[in-house]
């Protein structure tokens, strides 16, 4: 009797499809696009917008405006501002976030490539890993600041360092990426560059010594290209000394805590040597790609433990690496719990939705956290219609105007003012530049002397109390002015004040007062306000005075 024909096994139909993942990644992008319009603007982000806008007007950092960062980000962003002819407006900060959005999309793509190269070869698992890791990305990944760029370049350098075997050409490209990154942030010297150099012993243990040596030379050659171009640029601009002082040594001086890290550094270097022998001994058990990816990542984490300032921007790429590892573990667990493709796909989708919903609630995404800031920018633009004047702010939060005081009152400058190494000349500089507006959004960064000067010479705008316009509430007949501006005297409700000003009849017309003592005897109201002329015209006056034309 003939054997019955055994039907061929029908392969299980994959539930995961390109359309499924394309829709999931598109939804993730929309999620961050939505958050980008709602998440609050912090002073660091506004400072970077300020420097980028200044660069877009042809101004030179360290000479025409203050910055304590290496300037590649602001130069690249300035090109976008000029190309799109962006003008000052309350919508400008959100527009800048939209322009930075491609960096987040590139980061999501890099998560896919890294998950495939390091964790899983199976398409469903590495795509699921990238999706879950992407949902955990901090909001910083979608902000207009250097950190998304330097974090992206950091992860790209790790990927390129591990994706292919060493060669001069491959490692030259890695060096180019790291060199560009060093022009974005000095942190990259400590995190991508040094860890990859410390990881070279592992490559010597895995690959032929001659090939690895040539590859290391390619890495160093590529590393010098972009920094060399930046140094040449500032040399030709006649500002090399200021670039080195403020862009390089300023942060290094302020960021070093002087603690004795010598022994820890020696331990890290010794670990690199011991790692060579360990990898050489167990060479047949080591996956070259994983070793080349995780070794510099671990060295970077070790260096991070010695880093004097561990802020959100410093931790950003490390958090992304951690999220990638956690997502890979989550996928491993889901695949162990569920055997069917449909069940796994639904489990990934449910977990992704839970992460997104959790973030929507925890980050108060449905509340417009920037409403006050847009109102403040609107008031500033009414008072200073173009970027040609000066506004005294702490850290560039007015974006479009120069400070009369050169330094931004960031951490190192505040420390310098308190230590006496930087002179607090804020009042004198405001007088010198006849600065009519103060944006007091971060009063804690100013000295008591500065705050008293502001209180004596500026008045809060009712519609935006953080914006102060030049003026004084007169509490007697004798008053003293410091700022040589055009003023008007107004009564409560916005009516023009009348009386005698310095012995001459005054009936509400604009007057220019020299700095010094003046006398006004009011004949029309008990509490007149001396207000900057433009603030009267726009109606941006303290509460109770209002009006305007």
Protein backbone atom coordinates (compact mmCIF):
# COMPACT_ATOMS: atom_id res chain seq x y z
CA UNK A 1 0.00 0.00 0.00
CA UNK A 2 1.40 3.33 -0.99
CA UNK A 3 2.24 5.79 1.76
CA UNK A 4 -0.19 8.66 1.93
CA UNK A 5 1.21 11.93 0.73
CA UNK A 6 2.19 14.16 3.66
CA UNK A 7 1.15 17.76 2.95
CA UNK A 8 3.95 20.24 3.04
CA UNK A 9 4.08 22.41 6.12
CA UNK A 10 2.50 25.79 5.57
CA UNK A 11 4.72 28.55 6.95
CA UNK A 12 3.10 30.73 9.57
CA UNK A 13 1.86 33.97 8.09
CA UNK A 14 3.70 36.90 9.58
CA UNK A 15 1.40 39.41 11.22
CA UNK A 16 4.18 41.96 11.32
CA UNK A 17 4.31 43.85 8.04
CA UNK A 18 6.16 46.91 6.73
CA UNK A 19 2.90 48.87 6.83
CA UNK A 20 2.39 47.95 10.50
CA UNK A 21 5.80 49.28 11.50
CA UNK A 22 5.61 52.30 9.19
CA UNK A 23 2.33 53.28 10.86
CA UNK A 24 3.76 52.73 14.35
CA UNK A 25 6.84 54.84 13.68
CA UNK A 26 4.72 57.55 12.03
CA UNK A 27 2.49 57.60 15.12
CA UNK A 28 5.55 57.95 17.32
CA UNK A 29 6.76 60.89 15.24
CA UNK A 30 3.33 62.55 15.52
CA UNK A 31 3.46 62.02 19.28
CA UNK A 32 6.76 63.94 19.54
CA UNK A 33 5.55 66.57 17.05
CA UNK A 34 2.58 67.21 19.34
CA UNK A 35 4.77 67.35 22.45
CA UNK A 36 7.12 69.77 20.69
CA UNK A 37 4.42 72.42 20.53
CA UNK A 38 3.39 71.98 24.15
CA UNK A 39 6.48 71.20 26.24
CA UNK A 40 7.78 74.18 28.20
CA UNK A 41 10.80 76.13 26.94
CA UNK A 42 13.70 76.17 29.42
CA UNK A 43 16.41 78.80 29.52
CA UNK A 44 19.09 76.52 28.01
CA UNK A 45 17.02 75.94 24.89
CA UNK A 46 16.23 79.64 24.59
CA UNK A 47 19.91 80.52 24.91
CA UNK A 48 20.73 78.25 21.96
CA UNK A 49 17.96 79.88 19.91
CA UNK A 50 19.42 83.26 20.83
CA UNK A 51 22.92 82.35 19.65
CA UNK A 52 21.59 80.76 16.45
CA UNK A 53 19.51 83.85 15.66
CA UNK A 54 22.52 86.09 16.35
CA UNK A 55 24.67 83.97 14.03
CA UNK A 56 21.98 84.17 11.33
CA UNK A 57 22.43 87.97 11.34
CA UNK A 58 26.13 87.61 10.55
CA UNK A 59 27.33 88.20 14.11
CA UNK A 60 30.39 86.33 15.36
CA UNK A 61 30.23 84.32 18.59
CA UNK A 62 32.65 85.23 21.40
CA UNK A 63 33.13 88.67 19.83
CA UNK A 64 29.65 90.06 19.01
CA UNK A 65 27.67 87.92 21.43
CA UNK A 66 28.48 85.58 24.28
CA UNK A 67 28.48 81.83 24.07
CA UNK A 68 30.28 79.19 26.06
CA UNK A 69 29.71 76.33 23.62
CA UNK A 70 31.53 75.16 20.52
CA UNK A 71 29.51 76.83 17.74
CA UNK A 72 28.72 74.17 15.11
CA UNK A 73 25.06 73.84 16.17
CA UNK A 74 24.37 77.57 16.04
CA UNK A 75 26.12 77.91 12.67
CA UNK A 76 24.08 75.05 11.17
CA UNK A 77 20.84 76.39 12.63
CA UNK A 78 21.65 79.90 11.43
CA UNK A 79 21.77 78.54 7.88
CA UNK A 80 18.20 77.27 8.31
CA UNK A 81 17.02 80.61 9.70
CA UNK A 82 18.55 82.49 6.77
CA UNK A 83 17.35 80.00 4.16
CA UNK A 84 13.75 80.24 5.40
CA UNK A 85 14.01 84.00 6.11
CA UNK A 86 12.58 83.51 9.60
CA UNK A 87 11.65 86.72 11.38
CA UNK A 88 11.16 87.46 15.09
CA UNK A 89 7.71 86.36 16.22
CA UNK A 90 6.05 84.66 19.20
CA UNK A 91 5.89 81.48 17.08
CA UNK A 92 9.65 81.45 16.45
CA UNK A 93 10.57 79.00 19.29
CA UNK A 94 8.08 76.36 18.13
CA UNK A 95 9.24 76.85 14.54
CA UNK A 96 12.81 76.16 15.66
CA UNK A 97 11.66 72.92 17.29
CA UNK A 98 9.98 71.92 14.06
CA UNK A 99 13.22 72.55 12.18
CA UNK A 100 15.06 70.32 14.66
CA UNK A 101 12.54 67.50 14.21
CA UNK A 102 14.52 65.63 11.50
CA UNK A 103 17.16 64.92 14.15
CA UNK A 104 14.58 62.94 16.13
CA UNK A 105 13.54 61.01 13.01
CA UNK A 106 17.21 60.22 12.33
CA UNK A 107 17.61 59.09 15.94
CA UNK A 108 14.67 56.68 15.55
CA UNK A 109 16.27 55.27 12.41
CA UNK A 110 19.57 54.88 14.26
CA UNK A 111 17.75 52.96 17.01
CA UNK A 112 16.52 50.56 14.34
CA UNK A 113 20.03 50.08 12.92
CA UNK A 114 21.60 49.67 16.37
CA UNK A 115 18.96 47.17 17.51
CA UNK A 116 19.57 45.12 14.37
CA UNK A 117 23.36 45.29 14.64
CA UNK A 118 23.66 44.57 18.35
CA UNK A 119 20.56 42.83 19.71
CA UNK A 120 18.45 40.96 17.15
CA UNK A 121 18.77 39.91 13.54
CA UNK A 122 15.09 39.01 13.36
CA UNK A 123 13.24 41.91 11.76
CA UNK A 124 10.20 41.82 14.05
CA UNK A 125 12.28 41.88 17.20
CA UNK A 126 14.69 44.64 16.25
CA UNK A 127 11.88 46.85 14.95
CA UNK A 128 9.86 46.26 18.11
CA UNK A 129 12.95 47.09 20.19
CA UNK A 130 13.48 50.36 18.32
CA UNK A 131 9.80 51.31 18.69
CA UNK A 132 9.74 50.80 22.45
CA UNK A 133 13.07 52.56 22.92
CA UNK A 134 11.81 55.46 20.80
CA UNK A 135 8.72 55.87 22.96
CA UNK A 136 11.03 56.36 25.97
CA UNK A 137 13.16 59.09 24.38
CA UNK A 138 13.28 62.20 26.57
CA UNK A 139 11.65 65.38 25.31
CA UNK A 140 15.14 66.79 24.78
CA UNK A 141 15.30 64.64 21.63
CA UNK A 142 12.75 66.96 19.96
CA UNK A 143 14.05 70.31 21.19
CA UNK A 144 15.98 73.08 19.45
CA UNK A 145 19.33 72.67 21.20
CA UNK A 146 22.69 70.99 20.49
CA UNK A 147 22.01 67.92 22.61
CA UNK A 148 19.88 65.99 20.08
CA UNK A 149 22.60 66.59 17.49
CA UNK A 150 25.53 65.60 19.67
CA UNK A 151 23.60 62.64 21.10
CA UNK A 152 22.72 61.50 17.57
CA UNK A 153 26.35 61.81 16.44
CA UNK A 154 27.52 59.97 19.57
CA UNK A 155 25.24 57.00 18.85
CA UNK A 156 26.12 57.15 15.15
CA UNK A 157 29.81 56.92 16.00
CA UNK A 158 29.15 53.84 18.19
CA UNK A 159 27.17 52.25 15.38
CA UNK A 160 29.81 52.97 12.73
CA UNK A 161 32.57 51.87 15.12
CA UNK A 162 30.90 48.47 15.45
CA UNK A 163 28.94 47.93 12.23
CA UNK A 164 31.89 47.00 10.01
CA UNK A 165 35.34 45.49 10.59
CA UNK A 166 38.11 48.05 11.10
CA UNK A 167 39.65 49.71 8.06
CA UNK A 168 41.26 53.07 7.38
CA UNK A 169 38.25 54.27 5.37
CA UNK A 170 35.61 53.09 7.84
CA UNK A 171 37.40 54.55 10.84
CA UNK A 172 38.19 57.78 8.97
CA UNK A 173 34.41 58.26 8.69
CA UNK A 174 34.06 57.52 12.42
CA UNK A 175 36.69 60.17 13.04
CA UNK A 176 34.81 62.67 10.86
CA UNK A 177 31.63 62.05 12.86
CA UNK A 178 33.46 62.51 16.15
CA UNK A 179 35.29 65.59 14.86
CA UNK A 180 32.01 67.20 13.83
CA UNK A 181 30.60 66.25 17.20
CA UNK A 182 33.53 67.90 18.97
CA UNK A 183 32.52 71.11 17.17
CA UNK A 184 28.99 70.75 18.59
CA UNK A 185 29.89 69.99 22.21
CA UNK A 186 33.09 69.49 24.19
CA UNK A 187 31.39 66.61 25.99
CA UNK A 188 32.03 64.50 22.94
CA UNK A 189 35.76 64.51 23.62
CA UNK A 190 35.10 62.77 26.92
CA UNK A 191 32.35 60.42 25.77
CA UNK A 192 32.64 59.18 22.15
CA UNK A 193 36.29 59.97 21.35
CA UNK A 194 38.22 58.86 24.43
CA UNK A 195 36.11 55.70 24.98
CA UNK A 196 36.65 54.60 21.38
CA UNK A 197 40.40 55.15 21.77
CA UNK A 198 40.31 53.09 24.99
CA UNK A 199 38.44 50.38 23.09
CA UNK A 200 41.20 49.94 20.51
CA UNK A 201 42.86 47.15 22.58
CA UNK A 202 39.68 45.10 22.11
CA UNK A 203 39.97 45.56 18.36
CA UNK A 204 43.65 44.58 18.50
CA UNK A 205 42.55 41.36 20.20
CA UNK A 206 39.84 40.65 17.60
CA UNK A 207 41.51 41.75 14.36
CA UNK A 208 45.03 41.72 12.87
CA UNK A 209 47.34 44.23 14.59
CA UNK A 210 48.45 45.93 11.37
CA UNK A 211 44.90 46.46 10.17
CA UNK A 212 43.83 47.82 13.55
CA UNK A 213 46.80 50.20 13.70
CA UNK A 214 45.99 51.58 10.24
CA UNK A 215 42.33 51.94 11.27
CA UNK A 216 43.33 53.83 14.42
CA UNK A 217 45.36 56.22 12.25
CA UNK A 218 42.28 56.76 10.06
CA UNK A 219 40.22 57.54 13.17
CA UNK A 220 42.70 60.19 14.32
CA UNK A 221 43.00 61.73 10.83
CA UNK A 222 39.23 62.04 10.46
CA UNK A 223 38.94 63.48 13.96
CA UNK A 224 41.11 66.50 13.07
CA UNK A 225 39.23 67.66 9.96
CA UNK A 226 36.26 69.64 11.34
CA UNK A 227 38.04 71.06 14.43
CA UNK A 228 40.84 72.17 12.10
CA UNK A 229 38.36 73.97 9.85
CA UNK A 230 36.76 75.66 12.87
CA UNK A 231 40.12 76.90 14.18
CA UNK A 232 41.00 78.19 10.70
CA UNK A 233 37.65 80.01 10.47
CA UNK A 234 38.16 81.89 13.74
CA UNK A 235 41.79 82.59 12.90
CA UNK A 236 40.77 84.24 9.62
CA UNK A 237 38.02 86.16 11.48
CA UNK A 238 40.60 87.50 13.93
CA UNK A 239 38.80 85.94 16.91
CA UNK A 240 40.81 82.78 17.56
CA UNK A 241 41.96 83.86 21.02
CA UNK A 242 38.40 84.66 22.11
CA UNK A 243 37.13 81.38 20.66
CA UNK A 244 39.74 79.39 22.58
CA UNK A 245 39.11 81.38 25.76
CA UNK A 246 35.29 81.32 25.81
CA UNK A 247 34.44 78.35 23.59
CA UNK A 248 37.03 75.93 25.01
CA UNK A 249 38.82 76.94 28.22
CA UNK A 250 35.91 78.84 29.80
CA UNK A 251 33.81 75.70 30.27
CA UNK A 252 36.82 73.54 31.11
CA UNK A 253 37.89 75.97 33.83
CA UNK A 254 34.41 76.27 35.27
CA UNK A 255 33.49 72.60 34.87
CA UNK A 256 36.52 71.08 36.55
CA UNK A 257 36.06 70.43 40.25
CA UNK A 258 39.80 69.84 40.79
CA UNK A 259 39.17 66.55 42.57
CA UNK A 260 41.84 63.87 42.41
CA UNK A 261 40.55 61.64 39.61
CA UNK A 262 44.04 60.43 38.73
CA UNK A 263 43.60 57.04 40.37
CA UNK A 264 40.22 56.52 38.68
CA UNK A 265 41.69 57.42 35.29
CA UNK A 266 44.49 54.93 35.88
CA UNK A 267 41.89 52.28 36.73
CA UNK A 268 40.08 52.94 33.43
CA UNK A 269 43.32 52.75 31.44
CA UNK A 270 44.30 49.56 33.28
CA UNK A 271 40.86 48.11 32.53
CA UNK A 272 41.46 48.78 28.83
CA UNK A 273 44.70 46.79 29.01
CA UNK A 274 43.16 43.91 30.95
CA UNK A 275 40.26 43.84 28.53
CA UNK A 276 42.71 43.13 25.70
CA UNK A 277 43.94 39.96 27.39
CA UNK A 278 40.42 38.87 28.40
CA UNK A 279 39.06 39.26 24.87
CA UNK A 280 42.12 37.56 23.41
CA UNK A 281 41.65 34.58 25.74
CA UNK A 282 37.92 34.19 24.99
CA UNK A 283 38.06 35.39 21.41
CA UNK A 284 35.93 32.55 20.08
CA UNK A 285 33.09 33.48 22.44
CA UNK A 286 33.07 37.21 21.69
CA UNK A 287 30.77 38.73 19.08
CA UNK A 288 32.89 41.43 17.42
CA UNK A 289 29.97 43.79 16.69
CA UNK A 290 28.61 43.67 20.22
CA UNK A 291 32.09 44.07 21.71
CA UNK A 292 32.84 47.09 19.50
CA UNK A 293 29.49 48.67 20.42
CA UNK A 294 29.32 48.04 24.15
CA UNK A 295 32.99 48.47 25.09
CA UNK A 296 33.15 52.21 24.25
CA UNK A 297 29.65 52.63 25.71
CA UNK A 298 30.85 51.14 29.02
CA UNK A 299 34.01 53.24 29.02
CA UNK A 300 31.87 56.33 28.34
CA UNK A 301 29.68 55.43 31.32
CA UNK A 302 32.82 55.06 33.47
CA UNK A 303 34.05 58.48 32.40
CA UNK A 304 30.58 59.88 33.08
CA UNK A 305 30.98 58.82 36.72
CA UNK A 306 33.99 61.19 36.91
CA UNK A 307 32.33 64.03 35.01
CA UNK A 308 31.91 67.11 37.23
CA UNK A 309 28.51 68.23 35.83
CA UNK A 310 25.95 65.50 35.16
CA UNK A 311 22.94 67.34 33.82
CA UNK A 312 20.10 66.20 31.58
CA UNK A 313 22.00 67.17 28.44
CA UNK A 314 25.06 65.22 29.56
CA UNK A 315 23.00 62.15 30.38
CA UNK A 316 20.92 62.29 27.20
CA UNK A 317 22.80 59.74 25.01
CA UNK A 318 23.35 57.42 27.97
CA UNK A 319 19.64 57.41 28.68
CA UNK A 320 19.01 56.53 25.03
CA UNK A 321 21.44 53.59 25.30
CA UNK A 322 19.76 52.48 28.52
CA UNK A 323 16.31 52.68 26.92
CA UNK A 324 17.55 50.63 23.97
CA UNK A 325 18.83 47.91 26.31
CA UNK A 326 15.62 47.94 28.37
CA UNK A 327 13.51 47.73 25.21
CA UNK A 328 15.55 44.75 24.02
CA UNK A 329 14.88 43.00 27.35
CA UNK A 330 11.18 43.83 27.11
CA UNK A 331 11.00 42.32 23.62
CA UNK A 332 12.79 39.21 24.86
CA UNK A 333 10.17 38.89 27.59
CA UNK A 334 7.25 39.44 25.23
CA UNK A 335 8.54 36.83 22.82
CA UNK A 336 8.85 34.38 25.71
CA UNK A 337 5.32 35.10 26.92
CA UNK A 338 3.59 35.03 23.53
CA UNK A 339 4.23 32.48 20.80
CA UNK A 340 1.98 33.71 17.99
CA UNK A 341 2.95 36.54 15.68
CA UNK A 342 -0.43 38.24 16.12
CA UNK A 343 -0.22 38.08 19.92
CA UNK A 344 3.33 39.48 19.88
CA UNK A 345 2.32 42.32 17.58
CA UNK A 346 -0.63 43.23 19.79
CA UNK A 347 1.54 43.03 22.93
CA UNK A 348 4.07 45.45 21.40
CA UNK A 349 1.26 47.77 20.35
CA UNK A 350 -0.34 47.72 23.82
CA UNK A 351 2.99 48.41 25.55
CA UNK A 352 3.76 51.21 23.09
CA UNK A 353 0.33 52.76 23.68
CA UNK A 354 0.81 52.51 27.46
CA UNK A 355 4.16 54.33 27.25
CA UNK A 356 2.73 57.08 25.06
CA UNK A 357 -0.37 57.56 27.24
CA UNK A 358 1.76 57.62 30.38
CA UNK A 359 3.91 60.35 28.92
CA UNK A 360 0.95 62.37 27.70
CA UNK A 361 -0.35 62.47 31.26
CA UNK A 362 2.95 62.90 33.11
CA UNK A 363 4.27 65.62 30.79
CA UNK A 364 1.00 67.59 30.87
CA UNK A 365 0.90 67.56 27.10
CA UNK A 366 -2.67 68.84 26.89
CA UNK A 367 -1.81 72.00 28.78
CA UNK A 368 -0.22 74.82 26.78
CA UNK A 369 2.81 75.39 28.99
CA UNK A 370 4.19 78.08 26.68
CA UNK A 371 1.21 80.44 26.70
CA UNK A 372 2.88 82.82 29.16
CA UNK A 373 6.14 82.78 27.23
CA UNK A 374 4.43 83.59 23.93
CA UNK A 375 2.71 86.49 25.68
CA UNK A 376 6.06 87.70 26.99
CA UNK A 377 7.60 87.53 23.51
CA UNK A 378 4.60 89.44 22.13
CA UNK A 379 5.16 92.22 24.68
CA UNK A 380 8.88 92.32 23.89
CA UNK A 381 8.18 92.57 20.16
CA UNK A 382 5.75 95.44 20.72
CA UNK A 383 8.30 97.29 22.83
CA UNK A 384 11.30 96.47 20.62
CA UNK A 385 9.87 95.91 17.12
CA UNK A 386 13.23 94.99 15.57
CA UNK A 387 16.32 93.13 16.80
CA UNK A 388 18.49 96.25 16.64
CA UNK A 389 18.05 97.32 20.27
CA UNK A 390 19.09 95.75 23.55
CA UNK A 391 17.11 93.81 26.15
CA UNK A 392 18.62 92.82 29.47
CA UNK A 393 17.85 89.16 30.10
CA UNK A 394 19.68 86.45 32.00
CA UNK A 395 20.39 83.80 29.42
CA UNK A 396 19.14 84.75 25.97
CA UNK A 397 15.47 84.07 26.69
CA UNK A 398 14.52 87.19 24.73
CA UNK A 399 16.15 85.45 21.69
CA UNK A 400 16.17 88.37 19.24
CA UNK A 401 18.07 91.08 21.12
CA UNK A 402 21.56 91.55 22.49
CA UNK A 403 22.21 92.01 26.16
CA UNK A 404 24.08 95.18 27.14
CA UNK A 405 26.00 92.95 29.59
CA UNK A 406 28.20 90.63 27.53
CA UNK A 407 28.02 87.41 29.54
CA UNK A 408 24.97 85.19 29.72
CA UNK A 409 24.21 84.55 33.35
CA UNK A 410 24.61 80.79 33.06
CA UNK A 411 26.15 78.68 35.83
CA UNK A 412 29.82 79.50 35.26
CA UNK A 413 29.19 83.23 34.80
CA UNK A 414 27.09 83.39 37.98
CA UNK A 415 29.90 81.63 39.83
CA UNK A 416 32.38 84.07 38.32
CA UNK A 417 30.31 87.10 39.41
CA UNK A 418 30.03 85.75 42.95
CA UNK A 419 33.75 84.96 43.07
CA UNK A 420 34.67 88.38 41.69
CA UNK A 421 36.43 87.04 38.57
CA UNK A 422 33.66 88.53 36.40
CA UNK A 423 32.62 92.10 37.20
CA UNK A 424 28.92 92.65 37.72
CA UNK A 425 28.43 95.67 35.46
CA UNK A 426 24.76 95.05 34.62
CA UNK A 427 23.48 98.45 35.90
CA UNK A 428 26.30 100.39 34.24
CA UNK A 429 25.86 98.52 30.96
CA UNK A 430 22.10 99.13 30.95
CA UNK A 431 22.78 102.86 31.38
CA UNK A 432 25.53 102.88 28.74
CA UNK A 433 23.32 101.17 26.15
CA UNK A 434 20.17 103.03 27.28
CA UNK A 435 18.48 99.64 27.52
CA UNK A 436 14.73 100.28 27.77
CA UNK A 437 13.52 96.74 28.53
CA UNK A 438 14.46 94.04 31.05
CA UNK A 439 13.19 90.47 30.68
CA UNK A 440 13.29 89.28 34.27
CA UNK A 441 12.23 85.69 33.68
CA UNK A 442 14.97 84.22 35.89
CA UNK A 443 15.56 86.78 38.68
CA UNK A 444 17.58 84.28 40.72
CA UNK A 445 20.50 84.65 38.31
CA UNK A 446 20.93 88.37 39.08
CA UNK A 447 22.67 89.93 42.06
CA UNK A 448 20.83 91.97 44.71
CA UNK A 449 22.51 95.05 43.22
CA UNK A 450 21.06 94.29 39.77
CA UNK A 451 17.57 93.67 41.14
CA UNK A 452 17.59 96.97 43.04
CA UNK A 453 18.61 98.79 39.86
CA UNK A 454 15.77 97.15 37.95
CA UNK A 455 13.30 98.00 40.71
CA UNK A 456 14.39 101.64 40.73
CA UNK A 457 14.38 102.16 36.97
CA UNK A 458 11.87 99.76 35.39
CA UNK A 459 8.22 98.88 35.85
CA UNK A 460 6.51 95.51 35.14
CA UNK A 461 4.17 95.35 32.16
CA UNK A 462 0.69 94.37 33.30
CA UNK A 463 0.11 91.91 30.43
CA UNK A 464 3.48 90.17 31.04
CA UNK A 465 4.92 90.95 34.50
CA UNK A 466 8.30 89.35 33.69
CA UNK A 467 8.81 92.10 31.09
CA UNK A 468 9.93 95.40 32.64
CA UNK A 469 9.83 98.66 30.69
CA UNK A 470 11.83 101.70 31.71
CA UNK A 471 9.90 103.90 34.10
CA UNK A 472 9.25 104.85 37.71
CA UNK A 473 6.22 105.24 39.91
CA UNK A 474 6.78 108.70 41.42
CA UNK A 475 6.19 108.82 45.17
CA UNK A 476 7.21 112.41 45.68
CA UNK A 477 8.10 115.50 43.74
CA UNK A 478 11.84 114.66 43.51
CA UNK A 479 12.95 111.69 41.44
CA UNK A 480 16.18 110.51 39.80
CA UNK A 481 16.63 108.93 36.39
CA UNK A 482 19.52 106.75 35.24
CA UNK A 483 18.51 105.88 31.68
CA UNK A 484 18.67 108.64 29.03
CA UNK A 485 15.42 107.83 27.22
CA UNK A 486 12.28 109.54 25.97
CA UNK A 487 9.59 109.46 28.67
CA UNK A 488 6.03 110.55 29.29
CA UNK A 489 4.27 111.25 32.55
CA UNK A 490 0.90 109.50 32.80
CA UNK A 491 -1.79 109.15 35.40
CA UNK A 492 -3.71 106.07 36.46
CA UNK A 493 -5.97 104.96 33.64
CA UNK A 494 -3.50 106.13 31.00
CA UNK A 495 -4.38 109.84 30.92
CA UNK A 496 -1.53 112.28 30.34
CA UNK A 497 -0.22 113.97 33.48
CA UNK A 498 0.06 117.73 33.74
CA UNK A 499 2.09 119.96 36.00
CA UNK A 500 5.54 121.49 36.35
CA UNK A 501 8.62 119.47 35.29
CA UNK A 502 11.93 121.00 36.39
CA UNK A 503 10.21 124.36 36.70
CA UNK A 504 8.61 124.27 33.25
CA UNK A 505 4.99 123.64 32.37
CA UNK A 506 4.35 120.05 31.31
CA UNK A 507 1.14 118.72 29.80
CA UNK A 508 1.85 115.13 28.72
CA UNK A 509 4.23 115.60 25.80
CA UNK A 510 7.28 113.36 25.34
CA UNK A 511 10.35 114.54 27.22
CA UNK A 512 13.97 113.44 27.12
CA UNK A 513 15.44 113.44 30.61
CA UNK A 514 19.13 113.55 31.29
CA UNK A 515 20.36 111.18 34.00
CA UNK A 516 20.11 112.81 37.41
CA UNK A 517 17.64 114.49 39.74
CA UNK A 518 14.41 115.98 38.47
CA UNK A 519 11.32 117.55 40.01
CA UNK A 520 7.74 117.12 38.93
CA UNK A 521 4.81 118.81 40.64
CA UNK A 522 1.67 117.13 39.38
CA UNK A 523 -1.47 119.15 38.83
CA UNK A 524 -3.62 116.29 37.50
CA UNK A 525 -3.06 113.13 39.60
CA UNK A 526 -1.62 111.97 42.89
CA UNK A 527 0.50 109.02 41.66
CA UNK A 528 1.96 109.85 38.25
CA UNK A 529 4.07 107.33 36.38
CA UNK A 530 7.22 108.23 34.51
CA UNK A 531 7.09 105.77 31.57
CA UNK A 532 9.24 105.10 28.53
CA UNK A 533 7.60 106.75 25.54
CA UNK A 534 7.22 103.58 23.46
CA UNK A 535 5.62 101.70 26.38
CA UNK A 536 3.00 104.45 26.55
CA UNK A 537 2.37 104.24 22.80
CA UNK A 538 1.91 100.45 22.88
CA UNK A 539 0.00 100.42 26.16
CA UNK A 540 2.57 98.15 27.83
CA UNK A 541 2.39 99.80 31.24
CA UNK A 542 1.93 98.61 34.82
CA UNK A 543 -1.50 97.46 35.87
CA UNK A 544 -3.84 100.39 36.45
CA UNK A 545 -2.19 102.68 33.91
CA UNK A 546 -3.11 100.81 30.67
CA UNK A 547 -4.25 102.85 27.73
CA UNK A 548 -1.93 103.61 24.84
CA UNK A 549 -2.39 104.81 21.32
